[in-house]
Protein backbone atom coordinates (compact mmCIF):
# COMPACT_ATOMS: atom_id res chain seq x y z
CA MET A 1 -19.98 -180.88 -166.99
CA GLY A 2 -17.72 -179.82 -164.18
CA TYR A 3 -13.97 -180.14 -164.01
CA LYS A 4 -11.96 -181.68 -161.26
CA LEU A 5 -8.28 -180.95 -160.81
CA LYS A 6 -6.44 -184.21 -160.33
CA GLY A 7 -3.59 -182.81 -158.28
CA SER A 8 -1.09 -185.06 -160.04
CA LYS A 9 0.15 -182.20 -162.19
CA SER A 10 0.82 -178.53 -161.59
CA PHE A 11 -2.11 -176.14 -161.36
CA SER A 12 -1.10 -174.33 -164.55
CA HIS A 13 -0.73 -177.62 -166.43
CA GLU A 14 -4.22 -178.72 -165.34
CA ILE A 15 -5.72 -175.37 -166.40
CA LYS A 16 -3.97 -175.54 -169.78
CA GLY A 17 -5.33 -179.06 -170.20
CA ILE A 18 -8.89 -177.87 -169.61
CA VAL A 19 -8.47 -174.99 -172.06
CA THR A 20 -6.94 -177.29 -174.66
CA GLU A 21 -9.83 -179.72 -174.24
CA GLN A 22 -12.36 -176.93 -174.78
CA ILE A 23 -10.50 -175.69 -177.86
CA ASP A 24 -10.47 -179.23 -179.28
CA ASN A 25 -14.21 -179.58 -178.54
CA ALA A 26 -14.93 -176.26 -180.26
CA LEU A 27 -12.94 -177.26 -183.34
CA ASP A 28 -14.76 -180.60 -183.51
CA CYS A 29 -18.09 -178.77 -183.29
CA LEU A 30 -17.11 -176.46 -186.15
CA LYS A 31 -16.32 -179.42 -188.41
CA ARG A 32 -19.97 -180.42 -188.57
CA SER A 33 -21.92 -180.00 -191.78
CA GLY A 34 -25.51 -179.70 -192.92
CA ARG A 35 -28.16 -179.00 -190.30
CA ASN A 36 -25.74 -179.85 -187.51
CA LYS A 37 -23.49 -176.95 -188.54
CA ASP A 38 -25.61 -174.31 -186.77
CA GLU A 39 -25.76 -176.46 -183.65
CA GLY A 40 -22.00 -176.93 -183.89
CA ILE A 41 -21.47 -173.17 -184.02
CA HIS A 42 -23.63 -172.76 -180.94
CA GLU A 43 -21.71 -175.47 -179.08
CA ALA A 44 -18.37 -173.98 -180.12
CA ARG A 45 -19.51 -170.65 -178.65
CA VAL A 46 -20.35 -172.46 -175.40
CA CYS A 47 -16.80 -173.88 -175.33
CA VAL A 48 -15.36 -170.39 -175.74
CA LYS A 49 -17.61 -169.13 -172.92
CA LYS A 50 -16.28 -171.90 -170.68
CA ILE A 51 -12.72 -170.89 -171.49
CA ARG A 52 -13.45 -167.26 -170.67
CA ALA A 53 -15.09 -168.27 -167.38
CA LEU A 54 -12.01 -170.31 -166.49
CA LEU A 55 -9.78 -167.37 -167.37
CA ARG A 56 -11.74 -165.20 -164.96
CA LEU A 57 -11.24 -167.79 -162.22
CA VAL A 58 -7.47 -167.78 -162.67
CA LYS A 59 -7.16 -164.09 -163.51
CA ASP A 60 -4.95 -163.30 -160.52
CA SER A 61 -2.56 -166.14 -161.39
CA LEU A 62 -2.28 -164.96 -165.00
CA GLY A 63 -1.61 -161.34 -164.24
CA PRO A 64 -3.43 -158.41 -165.83
CA ALA A 65 -1.57 -158.30 -169.16
CA SER A 66 -1.89 -162.02 -169.90
CA PHE A 67 -5.51 -162.12 -168.78
CA GLU A 68 -6.45 -159.16 -170.97
CA ALA A 69 -4.71 -160.60 -174.03
CA GLU A 70 -6.24 -164.06 -173.63
CA ASP A 71 -9.70 -162.78 -172.75
CA LYS A 72 -9.69 -160.42 -175.74
CA ALA A 73 -8.67 -163.20 -178.13
CA TYR A 74 -11.45 -165.52 -176.95
CA ARG A 75 -13.97 -162.68 -176.79
CA ASP A 76 -13.22 -161.76 -180.41
CA THR A 77 -13.49 -165.41 -181.43
CA ALA A 78 -16.90 -165.68 -179.75
CA ARG A 79 -18.05 -162.52 -181.50
CA SER A 80 -17.05 -163.92 -184.88
CA LEU A 81 -18.96 -167.12 -184.18
CA SER A 82 -21.90 -165.09 -182.92
CA LYS A 83 -22.17 -163.21 -186.22
CA ILE A 84 -22.30 -166.50 -188.12
CA ARG A 85 -24.88 -167.97 -185.75
CA ASP A 86 -27.01 -164.81 -185.88
CA SER A 87 -27.08 -164.95 -189.68
CA ALA A 88 -28.13 -168.60 -189.62
CA ALA A 89 -30.83 -167.86 -187.03
CA MET A 90 -32.21 -165.05 -189.19
CA LEU A 91 -32.47 -167.42 -192.15
CA GLU A 92 -34.26 -169.99 -189.97
CA ILE A 93 -36.73 -167.37 -188.78
CA THR A 94 -37.34 -166.10 -192.32
CA ASP A 95 -38.00 -169.64 -193.54
CA LYS A 96 -40.43 -170.29 -190.67
CA LEU A 97 -42.29 -167.05 -191.40
CA VAL A 98 -42.59 -167.93 -195.07
CA ASP A 99 -43.89 -171.39 -194.18
CA HIS A 100 -46.33 -170.07 -191.60
CA PHE A 101 -47.74 -167.31 -193.80
CA SER A 102 -47.45 -169.08 -197.15
CA ALA A 103 -51.18 -168.71 -197.81
CA GLN A 104 -51.05 -164.91 -197.35
CA LEU A 105 -47.75 -164.19 -199.11
CA SER A 106 -46.75 -164.24 -202.73
CA LYS A 107 -44.22 -166.92 -203.61
CA GLY A 108 -41.22 -164.55 -203.78
CA ALA A 109 -42.17 -162.21 -200.94
CA PHE A 110 -39.01 -162.83 -198.93
CA VAL A 111 -36.55 -163.46 -201.76
CA ASN A 112 -34.76 -160.12 -201.28
CA VAL A 113 -34.75 -160.45 -197.50
CA ARG A 114 -33.34 -163.96 -197.64
């Protein structure tokens, strides 16, 4: 989804509104439970990527110090979410391997790995 600046408010206000919307979307995604939780983490990471892309577009308006601080904060947030998503993906892959090779593996073959 693209964003369109309305022009009825100041540029900085419009940008803040977009960032706030993405933060709200990310938080909503992280509230999911069950099987949707992993998808929610992925979607929250996408929201953070959108914020960082927007920051790069307005980098000159922010100034170097503000840009670096904001970009670092969102980068670190994305990394934290990435670690969680990577762990979940590894569990999914392990479960699929166990299912696929169930005839060749002993019942507890992946217990320690999991």
